[in-house]
Amino acid sequence: MGYSVGQVAGFAKVTVRTLHHYDEIGLLSPSGRSSAGHRRYDDGDLDRLQQILFYRELGFPLDEVAALLDDPDTDPQEHLRRQHALLTDRIDRLKEMAAAVERAMEARRMSVNLTPEEKFEVFGDHDPDQYADEVQERWGDTDAYKESARRTASYTKEDWKRLMDLHNDICRRFAELMATGATAGSEAAMDLAEEHRQWIDGSYYACSHEMHTCIGETYVSDERFTATYDAVRPGLAVFLRDAIVANAARANG
């Protein structure tokens, strides 16, 4: 006797109206009719419906679905191979999308939690979130990044102002020290480098001397950092890097 349109709709989780439409356009016509003239579907019809719904799920328009299913040169095995390839490709794309969403979520969690007005008050014309995606991409899997995100998530405007004031004061004193002609390996320069390390350690994440040395290298290798420090005093980026290296050597004996 086969299956009624209501039963098939229930099996496939589609509406009766959808099945009627598929019949009207010749995409899925039931193989039989009851004595009362009602549609009756057999197992072959259900197999075709499964194929239709698969291609529809992947976004194929109905006319292309019909062309695929009615192609006389394509056997059932070929449909399976095509479906496997399409599914594999979609899984890959969904994984990429999920990873992008995760990066965006993490970057947002990492973002400075201030209003635009407060950001301008604290950071001036520098947007602290400008490189959030890049930072997450480069260091998102590190413990330091996660620790920094955890700490800064609760920082208020006052907290950020305090941190920026400390940083600016260290930079100002470095510039003044350079003006005296002191070397980056002097005790005064190394002491300031240690203050800089402790500023990072106390504000963002545990910063060992080894990590501090790596950070110092970025001040020279990344032109954006170099420009920021050299705007305080030309050559400050290199001087700071060298003082950090000297301080790490002093700490390691």
Protein backbone atom coordinates (compact mmCIF):
# COMPACT_ATOMS: atom_id res chain seq x y z
CA MET A 1 0.00 0.00 0.00
CA GLY A 2 3.00 2.36 0.45
CA TYR A 3 3.05 5.48 2.58
CA SER A 4 0.61 8.36 2.73
CA VAL A 5 1.72 11.94 2.13
CA GLY A 6 1.26 12.65 5.82
CA GLN A 7 3.47 9.73 6.82
CA VAL A 8 6.22 10.76 4.39
CA ALA A 9 6.06 14.35 5.63
CA GLY A 10 6.54 13.03 9.15
CA PHE A 11 9.46 10.79 8.15
CA ALA A 12 11.28 13.56 6.28
CA LYS A 13 10.30 16.42 8.61
CA VAL A 14 8.88 18.47 5.76
CA THR A 15 5.41 19.83 5.25
CA VAL A 16 2.66 18.15 3.24
CA ARG A 17 2.55 21.36 1.20
CA THR A 18 6.22 20.82 0.23
CA LEU A 19 5.50 17.29 -0.99
CA HIS A 20 2.51 18.54 -2.97
CA HIS A 21 4.76 21.17 -4.60
CA TYR A 22 7.41 18.60 -5.48
CA ASP A 23 4.71 16.52 -7.14
CA GLU A 24 3.30 19.49 -9.05
CA ILE A 25 6.69 20.38 -10.56
CA GLY A 26 7.55 16.76 -11.32
CA LEU A 27 10.46 16.58 -8.90
CA LEU A 28 8.94 13.84 -6.77
CA SER A 29 5.77 12.23 -8.00
CA PRO A 30 4.41 9.38 -5.88
CA SER A 31 4.55 5.98 -7.51
CA GLY A 32 0.95 5.12 -6.74
CA ARG A 33 -2.47 6.26 -5.67
CA SER A 34 -4.93 4.81 -3.25
CA SER A 35 -8.37 3.70 -4.40
CA ALA A 36 -9.59 7.09 -3.24
CA GLY A 37 -6.96 8.83 -5.37
CA HIS A 38 -4.64 9.81 -2.53
CA ARG A 39 -0.89 9.90 -3.07
CA ARG A 40 1.03 6.78 -2.00
CA TYR A 41 4.85 6.71 -1.82
CA ASP A 42 7.02 3.60 -1.98
CA ASP A 43 10.60 3.02 -0.76
CA GLY A 44 12.06 4.23 -4.06
CA ASP A 45 10.18 7.50 -3.66
CA LEU A 46 11.60 7.90 -0.16
CA ASP A 47 15.12 7.33 -1.51
CA ARG A 48 14.58 10.07 -4.10
CA LEU A 49 13.17 12.41 -1.44
CA GLN A 50 16.27 11.82 0.65
CA GLN A 51 18.44 12.81 -2.31
CA ILE A 52 16.33 15.91 -2.92
CA LEU A 53 16.55 17.06 0.68
CA PHE A 54 20.30 16.47 0.75
CA TYR A 55 20.91 18.72 -2.24
CA ARG A 56 18.44 21.30 -0.96
CA GLU A 57 20.31 21.41 2.36
CA LEU A 58 23.46 22.29 0.43
CA GLY A 59 21.66 25.15 -1.28
CA PHE A 60 20.97 23.65 -4.72
CA PRO A 61 17.90 25.18 -6.46
CA LEU A 62 15.13 22.76 -7.34
CA ASP A 63 15.78 22.83 -11.07
CA GLU A 64 19.42 21.83 -10.51
CA VAL A 65 18.34 19.09 -8.12
CA ALA A 66 16.01 17.71 -10.78
CA ALA A 67 18.79 17.81 -13.39
CA LEU A 68 21.18 15.97 -11.07
CA LEU A 69 18.71 13.26 -10.13
CA ASP A 70 17.41 12.72 -13.63
CA ASP A 71 20.81 12.59 -15.33
CA PRO A 72 20.81 9.21 -17.11
CA ASP A 73 24.60 9.01 -16.91
CA THR A 74 24.70 9.22 -13.10
CA ASP A 75 24.14 6.06 -11.10
CA PRO A 76 23.35 5.88 -7.36
CA GLN A 77 26.99 5.24 -6.50
CA GLU A 78 28.00 8.41 -8.32
CA HIS A 79 25.44 10.37 -6.30
CA LEU A 80 26.99 9.03 -3.11
CA ARG A 81 30.48 10.01 -4.24
CA ARG A 82 29.28 13.49 -5.16
CA GLN A 83 27.47 13.86 -1.85
CA HIS A 84 30.52 12.73 0.07
CA ALA A 85 32.68 15.32 -1.71
CA LEU A 86 30.11 18.06 -1.14
CA LEU A 87 29.76 17.18 2.52
CA THR A 88 33.52 17.07 3.04
CA ASP A 89 33.86 20.49 1.44
CA ARG A 90 31.04 21.89 3.56
CA ILE A 91 32.51 20.46 6.75
CA ASP A 92 35.83 22.13 5.94
CA ARG A 93 34.12 25.45 5.30
CA LEU A 94 32.05 25.17 8.47
CA LYS A 95 35.20 24.45 10.46
CA GLU A 96 36.81 27.55 8.99
CA MET A 97 33.71 29.58 9.84
CA ALA A 98 33.62 28.19 13.38
CA ALA A 99 37.29 29.03 13.86
CA ALA A 100 36.67 32.56 12.59
CA VAL A 101 33.76 32.99 15.00
CA GLU A 102 35.87 31.67 17.88
CA ARG A 103 38.62 34.15 17.00
CA ALA A 104 36.09 36.94 16.89
CA MET A 105 34.64 35.90 20.26
CA GLU A 106 38.08 35.72 21.84
CA ALA A 107 39.11 39.02 20.30
CA ARG A 108 35.96 40.64 21.70
CA ARG A 109 36.69 39.18 25.13
CA MET A 110 40.20 40.59 24.77
CA SER A 111 38.93 44.01 23.79
CA VAL A 112 39.15 46.94 26.15
CA ASN A 113 35.82 47.19 27.90
CA LEU A 114 35.33 50.97 27.61
CA THR A 115 32.96 53.27 25.79
CA PRO A 116 34.37 55.10 22.74
CA GLU A 117 34.57 58.30 24.81
CA GLU A 118 36.45 56.56 27.62
CA LYS A 119 38.86 54.94 25.13
CA PHE A 120 39.67 58.35 23.69
CA GLU A 121 40.14 59.79 27.18
CA VAL A 122 42.55 57.01 28.17
CA PHE A 123 44.35 56.22 24.90
CA GLY A 124 43.92 59.38 22.84
CA ASP A 125 43.78 58.69 19.11
CA HIS A 126 45.23 55.19 19.54
CA ASP A 127 42.59 52.46 19.30
CA PRO A 128 43.64 49.65 21.69
CA ASP A 129 41.39 47.20 19.80
CA GLN A 130 42.88 48.01 16.39
CA TYR A 131 45.07 44.91 16.29
CA ALA A 132 42.89 42.61 18.41
CA ASP A 133 42.41 40.09 15.59
CA GLU A 134 46.12 40.02 14.78
CA VAL A 135 47.05 39.60 18.44
CA GLN A 136 44.59 36.75 18.83
CA GLU A 137 45.82 35.08 15.64
CA ARG A 138 49.49 35.25 16.71
CA TRP A 139 49.22 34.57 20.43
CA GLY A 140 45.67 33.39 21.09
CA ASP A 141 46.77 29.89 22.09
CA THR A 142 49.33 31.07 24.64
CA ASP A 143 48.84 31.11 28.39
CA ALA A 144 50.00 34.73 28.48
CA TYR A 145 47.23 35.80 26.11
CA LYS A 146 44.56 33.97 28.09
CA GLU A 147 45.86 35.40 31.36
CA SER A 148 45.87 38.91 29.92
CA ALA A 149 42.29 38.47 28.67
CA ARG A 150 41.20 37.25 32.09
CA ARG A 151 42.81 40.16 33.94
CA THR A 152 41.85 43.00 31.62
CA ALA A 153 38.23 41.88 31.26
CA SER A 154 37.41 43.56 34.58
CA TYR A 155 39.55 46.70 34.15
CA THR A 156 37.74 50.01 34.55
CA LYS A 157 38.60 53.34 32.96
CA GLU A 158 40.55 54.23 36.10
CA ASP A 159 42.50 50.97 35.91
CA TRP A 160 43.48 51.66 32.30
CA LYS A 161 44.45 55.24 33.07
CA ARG A 162 46.67 54.05 35.89
CA LEU A 163 48.38 51.50 33.63
CA MET A 164 48.89 54.02 30.84
CA ASP A 165 50.24 56.60 33.27
CA LEU A 166 52.76 54.08 34.58
CA HIS A 167 53.85 53.15 31.07
CA ASN A 168 54.14 56.77 29.96
CA ASP A 169 56.17 57.61 33.05
CA ILE A 170 58.61 54.77 32.33
CA CYS A 171 58.99 55.94 28.73
CA ARG A 172 59.52 59.55 29.85
CA ARG A 173 62.26 58.53 32.28
CA PHE A 174 63.91 56.38 29.61
CA ALA A 175 63.96 59.41 27.30
CA GLU A 176 65.45 61.58 30.03
CA LEU A 177 68.08 58.95 30.73
CA MET A 178 69.03 58.81 27.05
CA ALA A 179 69.44 62.60 27.09
CA THR A 180 72.12 62.29 29.78
CA GLY A 181 74.18 60.07 27.49
CA ALA A 182 73.75 56.94 29.64
CA THR A 183 74.15 53.60 27.90
CA ALA A 184 71.47 50.92 27.67
CA GLY A 185 73.71 48.69 29.79
CA SER A 186 73.96 51.16 32.67
CA GLU A 187 72.48 50.34 36.07
CA ALA A 188 69.90 53.10 35.69
CA ALA A 189 68.76 51.78 32.30
CA MET A 190 68.55 48.21 33.55
CA ASP A 191 66.58 49.36 36.60
CA LEU A 192 64.08 51.10 34.33
CA ALA A 193 63.88 47.98 32.14
CA GLU A 194 63.05 45.98 35.26
CA GLU A 195 60.27 48.45 36.09
CA HIS A 196 58.97 47.95 32.56
CA ARG A 197 58.99 44.15 33.01
CA GLN A 198 57.18 44.43 36.34
CA TRP A 199 54.62 46.75 34.74
CA ILE A 200 53.77 44.01 32.24
CA ASP A 201 53.91 41.31 34.91
CA GLY A 202 51.58 43.18 37.24
CA SER A 203 49.18 44.43 34.60
CA TYR A 204 48.75 41.72 31.99
CA TYR A 205 50.50 38.36 32.48
CA ALA A 206 53.46 36.69 34.12
CA CYS A 207 56.47 38.11 32.31
CA SER A 208 59.77 36.33 32.82
CA HIS A 209 63.05 37.94 31.80
CA GLU A 210 63.16 35.59 28.82
CA MET A 211 59.69 36.63 27.70
CA HIS A 212 60.59 40.26 28.32
CA THR A 213 63.56 39.88 25.99
CA CYS A 214 61.26 38.50 23.26
CA ILE A 215 58.90 41.44 23.76
CA GLY A 216 61.82 43.83 23.52
CA GLU A 217 62.76 42.37 20.16
CA THR A 218 59.30 43.16 18.79
CA TYR A 219 59.83 46.81 19.69
CA VAL A 220 62.55 46.85 17.06
CA SER A 221 61.28 44.28 14.54
CA ASP A 222 57.71 45.62 14.33
CA GLU A 223 57.72 49.11 12.85
CA ARG A 224 54.47 49.97 14.62
CA PHE A 225 56.08 49.46 18.04
CA THR A 226 59.21 51.25 16.88
CA ALA A 227 57.19 54.27 15.75
CA THR A 228 55.34 54.40 19.06
CA TYR A 229 58.49 54.46 21.18
CA ASP A 230 60.55 56.59 18.81
CA ALA A 231 57.78 59.20 18.90
CA VAL A 232 58.72 59.73 22.56
CA ARG A 233 62.40 60.09 21.64
CA PRO A 234 64.18 58.97 18.47
CA GLY A 235 66.06 55.74 19.10
CA LEU A 236 64.06 54.86 22.22
CA ALA A 237 62.84 51.53 20.78
CA VAL A 238 66.37 50.23 20.29
CA PHE A 239 67.55 51.69 23.61
CA LEU A 240 64.65 50.02 25.44
CA ARG A 241 65.31 46.70 23.72
CA ASP A 242 69.00 46.83 24.62
CA ALA A 243 68.23 47.77 28.24
CA ILE A 244 65.80 44.83 28.47
CA VAL A 245 68.47 42.45 27.14
CA ALA A 246 71.04 43.83 29.60
CA ASN A 247 68.61 43.53 32.50
CA ALA A 248 67.82 39.90 31.61
CA ALA A 249 71.55 39.13 31.51
CA ARG A 250 72.00 40.79 34.90
CA ALA A 251 69.13 38.74 36.37
CA ASN A 252 70.64 35.51 35.01
CA GLY A 253 74.02 36.28 36.55
